[in-house]
């Protein structure tokens, strides 16, 4: 049976095509909370949040 992974990346900053991304890390943090605590969320074997300057999780 294959494992299910969720890879979440939230980086605040400016994107040339999208403009300012001011809430990406907050959105990522909230999604982590939902995926790891909400009984109605899909079940993942692993929730991965890469580390970086603004890592969350």
C-alpha atoms as a PDB file:
ATOM      1  CA  UNK A   1       0.000   0.000   0.000  1.00  0.00           C
ATOM      2  CA  UNK A   2       1.371   3.438  -0.879  1.00  0.00           C
ATOM      3  CA  UNK A   3       1.838   6.153   1.694  1.00  0.00           C
ATOM      4  CA  UNK A   4       0.073   9.486   1.446  1.00  0.00           C
ATOM      5  CA  UNK A   5       2.188  12.614   1.767  1.00  0.00           C
ATOM      6  CA  UNK A   6       1.237  16.269   2.185  1.00  0.00           C
ATOM      7  CA  UNK A   7       4.072  18.677   1.376  1.00  0.00           C
ATOM      8  CA  UNK A   8       3.252  22.217   2.446  1.00  0.00           C
ATOM      9  CA  UNK A   9       5.290  25.244   1.423  1.00  0.00           C
ATOM     10  CA  UNK A  10       4.352  28.725   2.576  1.00  0.00           C
ATOM     11  CA  UNK A  11       6.740  31.567   1.761  1.00  0.00           C
ATOM     12  CA  UNK A  12       5.881  35.221   2.168  1.00  0.00           C
ATOM     13  CA  UNK A  13       7.394  37.649  -0.306  1.00  0.00           C
ATOM     14  CA  UNK A  14       6.881  39.181  -3.717  1.00  0.00           C
ATOM     15  CA  UNK A  15       6.116  37.037  -6.732  1.00  0.00           C
ATOM     16  CA  UNK A  16       6.640  38.598 -10.170  1.00  0.00           C
ATOM     17  CA  UNK A  17       3.354  37.292 -11.573  1.00  0.00           C
ATOM     18  CA  UNK A  18       1.198  37.315  -8.443  1.00  0.00           C
ATOM     19  CA  UNK A  19       2.431  40.364  -6.547  1.00  0.00           C
ATOM     20  CA  UNK A  20       2.931  40.378  -2.770  1.00  0.00           C
ATOM     21  CA  UNK A  21       2.336  37.106  -0.944  1.00  0.00           C
ATOM     22  CA  UNK A  22       1.807  38.372   2.594  1.00  0.00           C
ATOM     23  CA  UNK A  23      -0.203  35.524   4.116  1.00  0.00           C
ATOM     24  CA  UNK A  24       1.357  32.351   2.708  1.00  0.00           C
ATOM     25  CA  UNK A  25       3.024  31.225   5.938  1.00  0.00           C
ATOM     26  CA  UNK A  26      -0.175  31.839   7.941  1.00  0.00           C
ATOM     27  CA  UNK A  27      -2.198  29.863   5.384  1.00  0.00           C
ATOM     28  CA  UNK A  28       0.331  27.043   5.528  1.00  0.00           C
ATOM     29  CA  UNK A  29       0.241  26.989   9.347  1.00  0.00           C
ATOM     30  CA  UNK A  30      -3.555  26.796   9.353  1.00  0.00           C
ATOM     31  CA  UNK A  31      -3.513  23.984   6.794  1.00  0.00           C
ATOM     32  CA  UNK A  32      -1.061  22.049   8.981  1.00  0.00           C
ATOM     33  CA  UNK A  33      -3.454  22.433  11.916  1.00  0.00           C
ATOM     34  CA  UNK A  34      -6.393  21.190   9.859  1.00  0.00           C
ATOM     35  CA  UNK A  35      -4.508  18.214   8.411  1.00  0.00           C
ATOM     36  CA  UNK A  36      -3.196  17.089  11.787  1.00  0.00           C
ATOM     37  CA  UNK A  37      -6.197  17.719  14.058  1.00  0.00           C
ATOM     38  CA  UNK A  38      -9.470  17.875  12.086  1.00  0.00           C
ATOM     39  CA  UNK A  39     -11.347  14.560  12.139  1.00  0.00           C
ATOM     40  CA  UNK A  40     -12.895  15.322   8.739  1.00  0.00           C
ATOM     41  CA  UNK A  41      -9.537  16.064   7.059  1.00  0.00           C
ATOM     42  CA  UNK A  42      -8.041  13.520   4.678  1.00  0.00           C
ATOM     43  CA  UNK A  43      -5.589  11.205   6.382  1.00  0.00           C
ATOM     44  CA  UNK A  44      -1.939  11.563   5.453  1.00  0.00           C
ATOM     45  CA  UNK A  45       0.861   9.292   6.589  1.00  0.00           C
ATOM     46  CA  UNK A  46       3.283  12.227   6.552  1.00  0.00           C
ATOM     47  CA  UNK A  47       2.887  16.023   6.640  1.00  0.00           C
ATOM     48  CA  UNK A  48       6.157  17.584   5.506  1.00  0.00           C
ATOM     49  CA  UNK A  49       7.013  21.250   5.939  1.00  0.00           C
ATOM     50  CA  UNK A  50      10.451  22.124   4.519  1.00  0.00           C
ATOM     51  CA  UNK A  51      12.605  24.244   6.830  1.00  0.00           C
ATOM     52  CA  UNK A  52      13.769  27.666   5.778  1.00  0.00           C
ATOM     53  CA  UNK A  53      13.954  31.275   6.895  1.00  0.00           C
ATOM     54  CA  UNK A  54      10.208  31.388   7.491  1.00  0.00           C
ATOM     55  CA  UNK A  55       9.505  27.702   8.157  1.00  0.00           C
ATOM     56  CA  UNK A  56       6.271  26.838   9.888  1.00  0.00           C
ATOM     57  CA  UNK A  57       5.053  23.690  11.540  1.00  0.00           C
END
